[in-house]
Amino acid sequence: MHRRHAPSRARANRPGARATAAKTQKAKRGTIEMHAERVEDATGRIVSKAKSLIDRVKSEVVGHAPIDIGAEPTIDDALLAIKPRPAQTP
């Protein structure tokens, strides 16, 4: 049987290890920021297209639809003659 040795601390604490880790963190942040910018740009384009589509629908579809609201409803005499029932008591 072979015994595995724990990695030596000398490797983990070599002088350039922290600098390399810092560069990696900066690169990751740069990548995240780049993707965030792309998402923001795409979202702006989508919102702009949605607004123009809504405006077009309002002007072309709703603006040209015939609207007939009809005459004002009249009050029916039968409705005026209805009286509420008295409350039922035991």
PDB file of N, CA and C in Angstrom:
ATOM      1  N   MET A   1       0.824  -1.185   0.000  1.00  0.00           N
ATOM      2  CA  MET A   1       0.000   0.000   0.000  1.00  0.00           C
ATOM      3  C   MET A   1       0.865   1.244   0.000  1.00  0.00           C
ATOM      4  N   HIS A   2       0.460   2.190  -0.770  1.00  0.00           N
ATOM      5  CA  HIS A   2       1.174   3.462  -0.805  1.00  0.00           C
ATOM      6  C   HIS A   2       0.440   4.470   0.047  1.00  0.00           C
ATOM      7  N   ARG A   3       1.173   5.239   0.784  1.00  0.00           N
ATOM      8  CA  ARG A   3       0.565   6.291   1.594  1.00  0.00           C
ATOM      9  C   ARG A   3       0.606   7.594   0.815  1.00  0.00           C
ATOM     10  N   ARG A   4      -0.483   8.293   0.874  1.00  0.00           N
ATOM     11  CA  ARG A   4      -0.509   9.597   0.205  1.00  0.00           C
ATOM     12  C   ARG A   4       0.024  10.640   1.171  1.00  0.00           C
ATOM     13  N   HIS A   5       0.818  11.477   0.657  1.00  0.00           N
ATOM     14  CA  HIS A   5       1.365  12.548   1.482  1.00  0.00           C
ATOM     15  C   HIS A   5       0.556  13.808   1.258  1.00  0.00           C
ATOM     16  N   ALA A   6       0.377  14.524   2.333  1.00  0.00           N
ATOM     17  CA  ALA A   6      -0.318  15.802   2.213  1.00  0.00           C
ATOM     18  C   ALA A   6       0.553  16.741   1.400  1.00  0.00           C
ATOM     19  N   PRO A   7      -0.064  17.599   0.576  1.00  0.00           N
ATOM     20  CA  PRO A   7       0.754  18.529  -0.212  1.00  0.00           C
ATOM     21  C   PRO A   7       1.541  19.434   0.722  1.00  0.00           C
ATOM     22  N   SER A   8       2.742  19.701   0.345  1.00  0.00           N
ATOM     23  CA  SER A   8       3.580  20.516   1.234  1.00  0.00           C
ATOM     24  C   SER A   8       3.099  21.956   1.233  1.00  0.00           C
ATOM     25  N   ARG A   9       3.282  22.599   2.347  1.00  0.00           N
ATOM     26  CA  ARG A   9       2.865  23.997   2.482  1.00  0.00           C
ATOM     27  C   ARG A   9       3.717  24.893   1.590  1.00  0.00           C
ATOM     28  N   ALA A  10       4.877  24.436   1.249  1.00  0.00           N
ATOM     29  CA  ALA A  10       5.762  25.252   0.424  1.00  0.00           C
ATOM     30  C   ALA A  10       5.121  25.535  -0.922  1.00  0.00           C
ATOM     31  N   ARG A  11       4.414  24.576  -1.466  1.00  0.00           N
ATOM     32  CA  ARG A  11       3.759  24.773  -2.748  1.00  0.00           C
ATOM     33  C   ARG A  11       2.602  25.761  -2.622  1.00  0.00           C
ATOM     34  N   ALA A  12       1.791  25.610  -1.594  1.00  0.00           N
ATOM     35  CA  ALA A  12       0.619  26.463  -1.437  1.00  0.00           C
ATOM     36  C   ALA A  12       0.987  27.907  -1.141  1.00  0.00           C
ATOM     37  N   ASN A  13       2.126  28.102  -0.492  1.00  0.00           N
ATOM     38  CA  ASN A  13       2.508  29.461  -0.103  1.00  0.00           C
ATOM     39  C   ASN A  13       3.642  30.012  -0.951  1.00  0.00           C
ATOM     40  N   ARG A  14       3.754  29.568  -2.148  1.00  0.00           N
ATOM     41  CA  ARG A  14       4.841  30.085  -2.979  1.00  0.00           C
ATOM     42  C   ARG A  14       4.602  31.576  -3.242  1.00  0.00           C
ATOM     43  N   PRO A  15       5.608  32.340  -3.491  1.00  0.00           N
ATOM     44  CA  PRO A  15       5.506  33.804  -3.576  1.00  0.00           C
ATOM     45  C   PRO A  15       4.502  34.332  -4.596  1.00  0.00           C
ATOM     46  N   GLY A  16       4.374  33.724  -5.730  1.00  0.00           N
ATOM     47  CA  GLY A  16       3.489  34.252  -6.762  1.00  0.00           C
ATOM     48  C   GLY A  16       2.054  33.778  -6.648  1.00  0.00           C
ATOM     49  N   ALA A  17       1.763  32.916  -5.679  1.00  0.00           N
ATOM     50  CA  ALA A  17       0.423  32.333  -5.569  1.00  0.00           C
ATOM     51  C   ALA A  17      -0.640  33.396  -5.312  1.00  0.00           C
ATOM     52  N   ARG A  18      -0.365  34.314  -4.417  1.00  0.00           N
ATOM     53  CA  ARG A  18      -1.365  35.352  -4.111  1.00  0.00           C
ATOM     54  C   ARG A  18      -1.548  36.310  -5.283  1.00  0.00           C
ATOM     55  N   ALA A  19      -0.475  36.655  -5.947  1.00  0.00           N
ATOM     56  CA  ALA A  19      -0.578  37.564  -7.096  1.00  0.00           C
ATOM     57  C   ALA A  19      -1.404  36.915  -8.199  1.00  0.00           C
ATOM     58  N   THR A  20      -1.188  35.621  -8.414  1.00  0.00           N
ATOM     59  CA  THR A  20      -1.945  34.906  -9.436  1.00  0.00           C
ATOM     60  C   THR A  20      -3.422  34.850  -9.056  1.00  0.00           C
ATOM     61  N   ALA A  21      -3.710  34.607  -7.781  1.00  0.00           N
ATOM     62  CA  ALA A  21      -5.102  34.563  -7.320  1.00  0.00           C
ATOM     63  C   ALA A  21      -5.766  35.930  -7.488  1.00  0.00           C
ATOM     64  N   ALA A  22      -5.033  36.996  -7.198  1.00  0.00           N
ATOM     65  CA  ALA A  22      -5.587  38.346  -7.350  1.00  0.00           C
ATOM     66  C   ALA A  22      -5.885  38.633  -8.819  1.00  0.00           C
ATOM     67  N   LYS A  23      -5.003  38.221  -9.708  1.00  0.00           N
ATOM     68  CA  LYS A  23      -5.230  38.420 -11.136  1.00  0.00           C
ATOM     69  C   LYS A  23      -6.469  37.644 -11.589  1.00  0.00           C
ATOM     70  N   THR A  24      -6.611  36.421 -11.074  1.00  0.00           N
ATOM     71  CA  THR A  24      -7.764  35.602 -11.434  1.00  0.00           C
ATOM     72  C   THR A  24      -9.050  36.273 -10.971  1.00  0.00           C
ATOM     73  N   GLN A  25      -9.042  36.823  -9.741  1.00  0.00           N
ATOM     74  CA  GLN A  25     -10.223  37.513  -9.226  1.00  0.00           C
ATOM     75  C   GLN A  25     -10.554  38.721 -10.098  1.00  0.00           C
ATOM     76  N   LYS A  26      -9.546  39.489 -10.479  1.00  0.00           N
ATOM     77  CA  LYS A  26      -9.785  40.655 -11.338  1.00  0.00           C
ATOM     78  C   LYS A  26     -10.328  40.220 -12.697  1.00  0.00           C
ATOM     79  N   ALA A  27      -9.789  39.136 -13.222  1.00  0.00           N
ATOM     80  CA  ALA A  27     -10.264  38.640 -14.516  1.00  0.00           C
ATOM     81  C   ALA A  27     -11.714  38.189 -14.404  1.00  0.00           C
ATOM     82  N   LYS A  28     -12.058  37.512 -13.296  1.00  0.00           N
ATOM     83  CA  LYS A  28     -13.441  37.080 -13.108  1.00  0.00           C
ATOM     84  C   LYS A  28     -14.361  38.281 -12.997  1.00  0.00           C
ATOM     85  N   ARG A  29     -13.939  39.300 -12.229  1.00  0.00           N
ATOM     86  CA  ARG A  29     -14.768  40.501 -12.101  1.00  0.00           C
ATOM     87  C   ARG A  29     -14.925  41.183 -13.451  1.00  0.00           C
ATOM     88  N   GLY A  30     -13.860  41.226 -14.220  1.00  0.00           N
ATOM     89  CA  GLY A  30     -13.932  41.824 -15.548  1.00  0.00           C
ATOM     90  C   GLY A  30     -14.895  41.063 -16.443  1.00  0.00           C
ATOM     91  N   THR A  31     -14.870  39.755 -16.349  1.00  0.00           N
ATOM     92  CA  THR A  31     -15.770  38.929 -17.148  1.00  0.00           C
ATOM     93  C   THR A  31     -17.213  39.155 -16.718  1.00  0.00           C
ATOM     94  N   ILE A  32     -17.437  39.194 -15.407  1.00  0.00           N
ATOM     95  CA  ILE A  32     -18.795  39.418 -14.897  1.00  0.00           C
ATOM     96  C   ILE A  32     -19.298  40.784 -15.330  1.00  0.00           C
ATOM     97  N   GLU A  33     -18.445  41.799 -15.221  1.00  0.00           N
ATOM     98  CA  GLU A  33     -18.848  43.147 -15.632  1.00  0.00           C
ATOM     99  C   GLU A  33     -19.152  43.195 -17.124  1.00  0.00           C
ATOM    100  N   MET A  34     -18.357  42.483 -17.920  1.00  0.00           N
ATOM    101  CA  MET A  34     -18.586  42.455 -19.359  1.00  0.00           C
ATOM    102  C   MET A  34     -19.945  41.814 -19.664  1.00  0.00           C
ATOM    103  N   HIS A  35     -20.239  40.711 -18.998  1.00  0.00           N
ATOM    104  CA  HIS A  35     -21.528  40.049 -19.216  1.00  0.00           C
ATOM    105  C   HIS A  35     -22.678  40.923 -18.721  1.00  0.00           C
ATOM    106  N   ALA A  36     -22.478  41.603 -17.590  1.00  0.00           N
ATOM    107  CA  ALA A  36     -23.520  42.491 -17.066  1.00  0.00           C
ATOM    108  C   ALA A  36     -23.807  43.611 -18.058  1.00  0.00           C
ATOM    109  N   GLU A  37     -22.763  44.146 -18.677  1.00  0.00           N
ATOM    110  CA  GLU A  37     -22.946  45.192 -19.697  1.00  0.00           C
ATOM    111  C   GLU A  37     -23.746  44.666 -20.876  1.00  0.00           C
ATOM    112  N   ARG A  38     -23.419  43.463 -21.312  1.00  0.00           N
ATOM    113  CA  ARG A  38     -24.142  42.867 -22.442  1.00  0.00           C
ATOM    114  C   ARG A  38     -25.612  42.659 -22.098  1.00  0.00           C
ATOM    115  N   VAL A  39     -25.875  42.169 -20.898  1.00  0.00           N
ATOM    116  CA  VAL A  39     -27.262  41.955 -20.466  1.00  0.00           C
ATOM    117  C   VAL A  39     -27.999  43.280 -20.399  1.00  0.00           C
ATOM    118  N   GLU A  40     -27.331  44.293 -19.863  1.00  0.00           N
ATOM    119  CA  GLU A  40     -27.943  45.626 -19.768  1.00  0.00           C
ATOM    120  C   GLU A  40     -28.267  46.173 -21.154  1.00  0.00           C
ATOM    121  N   ASP A  41     -27.349  46.028 -22.083  1.00  0.00           N
ATOM    122  CA  ASP A  41     -27.592  46.496 -23.453  1.00  0.00           C
ATOM    123  C   ASP A  41     -28.755  45.741 -24.092  1.00  0.00           C
ATOM    124  N   ALA A  42     -28.757  44.428 -23.918  1.00  0.00           N
ATOM    125  CA  ALA A  42     -29.828  43.616 -24.498  1.00  0.00           C
ATOM    126  C   ALA A  42     -31.170  43.980 -23.874  1.00  0.00           C
ATOM    127  N   THR A  43     -31.185  44.210 -22.569  1.00  0.00           N
ATOM    128  CA  THR A  43     -32.424  44.592 -21.890  1.00  0.00           C
ATOM    129  C   THR A  43     -32.922  45.927 -22.413  1.00  0.00           C
ATOM    130  N   GLY A  44     -32.025  46.863 -22.617  1.00  0.00           N
ATOM    131  CA  GLY A  44     -32.406  48.166 -23.172  1.00  0.00           C
ATOM    132  C   GLY A  44     -33.022  48.024 -24.556  1.00  0.00           C
ATOM    133  N   ARG A  45     -32.429  47.168 -25.380  1.00  0.00           N
ATOM    134  CA  ARG A  45     -32.980  46.951 -26.723  1.00  0.00           C
ATOM    135  C   ARG A  45     -34.362  46.309 -26.647  1.00  0.00           C
ATOM    136  N   ILE A  46     -34.521  45.344 -25.750  1.00  0.00           N
ATOM    137  CA  ILE A  46     -35.813  44.660 -25.619  1.00  0.00           C
ATOM    138  C   ILE A  46     -36.888  45.627 -25.151  1.00  0.00           C
ATOM    139  N   VAL A  47     -36.564  46.446 -24.157  1.00  0.00           N
ATOM    140  CA  VAL A  47     -37.533  47.423 -23.641  1.00  0.00           C
ATOM    141  C   VAL A  47     -37.901  48.420 -24.731  1.00  0.00           C
ATOM    142  N   SER A  48     -36.918  48.862 -25.489  1.00  0.00           N
ATOM    143  CA  SER A  48     -37.169  49.809 -26.573  1.00  0.00           C
ATOM    144  C   SER A  48     -38.099  49.196 -27.624  1.00  0.00           C
ATOM    145  N   LYS A  49     -37.839  47.941 -27.996  1.00  0.00           N
ATOM    146  CA  LYS A  49     -38.689  47.273 -28.979  1.00  0.00           C
ATOM    147  C   LYS A  49     -40.104  47.091 -28.442  1.00  0.00           C
ATOM    148  N   ALA A  50     -40.216  46.748 -27.159  1.00  0.00           N
ATOM    149  CA  ALA A  50     -41.536  46.561 -26.554  1.00  0.00           C
ATOM    150  C   ALA A  50     -42.318  47.871 -26.554  1.00  0.00           C
ATOM    151  N   LYS A  51     -41.645  48.979 -26.219  1.00  0.00           N
ATOM    152  CA  LYS A  51     -42.319  50.286 -26.213  1.00  0.00           C
ATOM    153  C   LYS A  51     -42.794  50.658 -27.613  1.00  0.00           C
ATOM    154  N   SER A  52     -41.959  50.421 -28.606  1.00  0.00           N
ATOM    155  CA  SER A  52     -42.362  50.773 -29.969  1.00  0.00           C
ATOM    156  C   SER A  52     -43.510  49.882 -30.430  1.00  0.00           C
ATOM    157  N   LEU A  53     -43.512  48.622 -30.021  1.00  0.00           N
ATOM    158  CA  LEU A  53     -44.605  47.724 -30.380  1.00  0.00           C
ATOM    159  C   LEU A  53     -45.906  48.164 -29.710  1.00  0.00           C
ATOM    160  N   ILE A  54     -45.835  48.548 -28.451  1.00  0.00           N
ATOM    161  CA  ILE A  54     -47.026  49.030 -27.739  1.00  0.00           C
ATOM    162  C   ILE A  54     -47.561  50.293 -28.407  1.00  0.00           C
ATOM    163  N   ASP A  55     -46.671  51.216 -28.747  1.00  0.00           N
ATOM    164  CA  ASP A  55     -47.102  52.447 -29.424  1.00  0.00           C
ATOM    165  C   ASP A  55     -47.754  52.133 -30.766  1.00  0.00           C
ATOM    166  N   ARG A  56     -47.160  51.189 -31.500  1.00  0.00           N
ATOM    167  CA  ARG A  56     -47.722  50.820 -32.805  1.00  0.00           C
ATOM    168  C   ARG A  56     -49.105  50.193 -32.649  1.00  0.00           C
ATOM    169  N   VAL A  57     -49.263  49.340 -31.661  1.00  0.00           N
ATOM    170  CA  VAL A  57     -50.568  48.704 -31.427  1.00  0.00           C
ATOM    171  C   VAL A  57     -51.592  49.762 -31.049  1.00  0.00           C
ATOM    172  N   LYS A  58     -51.187  50.698 -30.196  1.00  0.00           N
ATOM    173  CA  LYS A  58     -52.113  51.768 -29.796  1.00  0.00           C
ATOM    174  C   LYS A  58     -52.566  52.578 -31.006  1.00  0.00           C
ATOM    175  N   SER A  59     -51.634  52.932 -31.871  1.00  0.00           N
ATOM    176  CA  SER A  59     -51.987  53.798 -32.992  1.00  0.00           C
ATOM    177  C   SER A  59     -52.676  53.040 -34.133  1.00  0.00           C
ATOM    178  N   GLU A  60     -52.180  51.853 -34.469  1.00  0.00           N
ATOM    179  CA  GLU A  60     -52.728  51.132 -35.618  1.00  0.00           C
ATOM    180  C   GLU A  60     -53.970  50.313 -35.284  1.00  0.00           C
ATOM    181  N   VAL A  61     -53.986  49.668 -34.176  1.00  0.00           N
ATOM    182  CA  VAL A  61     -55.094  48.768 -33.862  1.00  0.00           C
ATOM    183  C   VAL A  61     -56.162  49.493 -33.054  1.00  0.00           C
ATOM    184  N   VAL A  62     -55.785  50.012 -31.919  1.00  0.00           N
ATOM    185  CA  VAL A  62     -56.759  50.671 -31.048  1.00  0.00           C
ATOM    186  C   VAL A  62     -57.240  51.976 -31.674  1.00  0.00           C
ATOM    187  N   GLY A  63     -56.345  52.705 -32.305  1.00  0.00           N
ATOM    188  CA  GLY A  63     -56.709  53.992 -32.892  1.00  0.00           C
ATOM    189  C   GLY A  63     -57.691  53.886 -34.039  1.00  0.00           C
ATOM    190  N   HIS A  64     -57.716  52.748 -34.726  1.00  0.00           N
ATOM    191  CA  HIS A  64     -58.587  52.575 -35.883  1.00  0.00           C
ATOM    192  C   HIS A  64     -59.827  51.732 -35.575  1.00  0.00           C
ATOM    193  N   ALA A  65     -59.923  51.241 -34.373  1.00  0.00           N
ATOM    194  CA  ALA A  65     -61.072  50.397 -34.020  1.00  0.00           C
ATOM    195  C   ALA A  65     -62.290  51.276 -33.789  1.00  0.00           C
ATOM    196  N   PRO A  66     -63.418  50.901 -34.392  1.00  0.00           N
ATOM    197  CA  PRO A  66     -64.633  51.681 -34.153  1.00  0.00           C
ATOM    198  C   PRO A  66     -65.094  51.481 -32.707  1.00  0.00           C
ATOM    199  N   ILE A  67     -65.353  52.564 -32.059  1.00  0.00           N
ATOM    200  CA  ILE A  67     -65.785  52.499 -30.669  1.00  0.00           C
ATOM    201  C   ILE A  67     -67.232  52.941 -30.588  1.00  0.00           C
ATOM    202  N   ASP A  68     -68.072  52.060 -30.082  1.00  0.00           N
ATOM    203  CA  ASP A  68     -69.482  52.380 -29.914  1.00  0.00           C
ATOM    204  C   ASP A  68     -69.819  52.191 -28.445  1.00  0.00           C
ATOM    205  N   ILE A  69     -69.888  53.303 -27.742  1.00  0.00           N
ATOM    206  CA  ILE A  69     -70.197  53.189 -26.323  1.00  0.00           C
ATOM    207  C   ILE A  69     -71.697  53.163 -26.085  1.00  0.00           C
ATOM    208  N   GLY A  70     -72.473  53.408 -27.114  1.00  0.00           N
ATOM    209  CA  GLY A  70     -73.926  53.324 -26.989  1.00  0.00           C
ATOM    210  C   GLY A  70     -74.508  54.490 -26.193  1.00  0.00           C
ATOM    211  N   ALA A  71     -75.809  54.417 -26.031  1.00  0.00           N
ATOM    212  CA  ALA A  71     -76.501  55.468 -25.289  1.00  0.00           C
ATOM    213  C   ALA A  71     -76.353  55.216 -23.789  1.00  0.00           C
ATOM    214  N   GLU A  72     -76.612  56.259 -23.028  1.00  0.00           N
ATOM    215  CA  GLU A  72     -76.563  56.106 -21.580  1.00  0.00           C
ATOM    216  C   GLU A  72     -77.663  55.164 -21.138  1.00  0.00           C
ATOM    217  N   PRO A  73     -77.368  54.307 -20.196  1.00  0.00           N
ATOM    218  CA  PRO A  73     -78.424  53.406 -19.729  1.00  0.00           C
ATOM    219  C   PRO A  73     -79.530  54.207 -19.028  1.00  0.00           C
ATOM    220  N   THR A  74     -80.745  53.774 -19.245  1.00  0.00           N
ATOM    221  CA  THR A  74     -81.871  54.454 -18.597  1.00  0.00           C
ATOM    222  C   THR A  74     -82.229  53.726 -17.318  1.00  0.00           C
ATOM    223  N   ILE A  75     -82.799  54.459 -16.413  1.00  0.00           N
ATOM    224  CA  ILE A  75     -83.229  53.855 -15.158  1.00  0.00           C
ATOM    225  C   ILE A  75     -84.632  53.305 -15.379  1.00  0.00           C
ATOM    226  N   ASP A  76     -84.753  52.038 -15.162  1.00  0.00           N
ATOM    227  CA  ASP A  76     -86.040  51.365 -15.352  1.00  0.00           C
ATOM    228  C   ASP A  76     -86.928  51.625 -14.132  1.00  0.00           C
ATOM    229  N   ASP A  77     -88.201  51.959 -14.384  1.00  0.00           N
ATOM    230  CA  ASP A  77     -89.140  52.217 -13.288  1.00  0.00           C
ATOM    231  C   ASP A  77     -89.288  50.989 -12.392  1.00  0.00           C
ATOM    232  N   ALA A  78     -89.173  49.808 -12.974  1.00  0.00           N
ATOM    233  CA  ALA A  78     -89.310  48.585 -12.179  1.00  0.00           C
ATOM    234  C   ALA A  78     -88.163  48.475 -11.170  1.00  0.00           C
ATOM    235  N   LEU A  79     -86.990  48.912 -11.566  1.00  0.00           N
ATOM    236  CA  LEU A  79     -85.852  48.870 -10.648  1.00  0.00           C
ATOM    237  C   LEU A  79     -86.051  49.846  -9.488  1.00  0.00           C
ATOM    238  N   LEU A  80     -86.684  50.981  -9.774  1.00  0.00           N
ATOM    239  CA  LEU A  80     -86.928  51.968  -8.724  1.00  0.00           C
ATOM    240  C   LEU A  80     -87.976  51.490  -7.720  1.00  0.00           C
ATOM    241  N   ALA A  81     -88.862  50.621  -8.168  1.00  0.00           N
ATOM    242  CA  ALA A  81     -89.943  50.138  -7.307  1.00  0.00           C
ATOM    243  C   ALA A  81     -89.486  49.021  -6.370  1.00  0.00           C
ATOM    244  N   ILE A  82     -88.303  48.475  -6.582  1.00  0.00           N
ATOM    245  CA  ILE A  82     -87.809  47.381  -5.730  1.00  0.00           C
ATOM    246  C   ILE A  82     -87.440  47.943  -4.359  1.00  0.00           C
ATOM    247  N   LYS A  83     -87.967  47.327  -3.341  1.00  0.00           N
ATOM    248  CA  LYS A  83     -87.680  47.737  -1.959  1.00  0.00           C
ATOM    249  C   LYS A  83     -86.902  46.585  -1.298  1.00  0.00           C
ATOM    250  N   PRO A  84     -85.968  46.893  -0.421  1.00  0.00           N
ATOM    251  CA  PRO A  84     -85.252  45.831   0.257  1.00  0.00           C
ATOM    252  C   PRO A  84     -86.160  45.066   1.214  1.00  0.00           C
ATOM    253  N   ARG A  85     -85.882  43.774   1.363  1.00  0.00           N
ATOM    254  CA  ARG A  85     -86.678  42.975   2.287  1.00  0.00           C
ATOM    255  C   ARG A  85     -86.317  43.327   3.730  1.00  0.00           C
ATOM    256  N   PRO A  86     -87.288  43.231   4.604  1.00  0.00           N
ATOM    257  CA  PRO A  86     -86.971  43.462   6.016  1.00  0.00           C
ATOM    258  C   PRO A  86     -86.091  42.316   6.546  1.00  0.00           C
ATOM    259  N   ALA A  87     -85.278  42.646   7.491  1.00  0.00           N
ATOM    260  CA  ALA A  87     -84.388  41.633   8.052  1.00  0.00           C
ATOM    261  C   ALA A  87     -85.194  40.566   8.750  1.00  0.00           C
ATOM    262  N   GLN A  88     -84.787  39.327   8.613  1.00  0.00           N
ATOM    263  CA  GLN A  88     -85.509  38.218   9.270  1.00  0.00           C
ATOM    264  C   GLN A  88     -85.020  38.111  10.700  1.00  0.00           C
ATOM    265  N   THR A  89     -85.948  38.206  11.611  1.00  0.00           N
ATOM    266  CA  THR A  89     -85.595  38.064  13.027  1.00  0.00           C
ATOM    267  C   THR A  89     -86.241  36.811  13.589  1.00  0.00           C
ATOM    268  N   PRO A  90     -85.629  36.160  14.530  1.00  0.00           N
ATOM    269  CA  PRO A  90     -86.210  34.911  15.065  1.00  0.00           C
ATOM    270  C   PRO A  90     -87.400  35.131  15.964  1.00  0.00           C
TER     271      PRO A  90
END
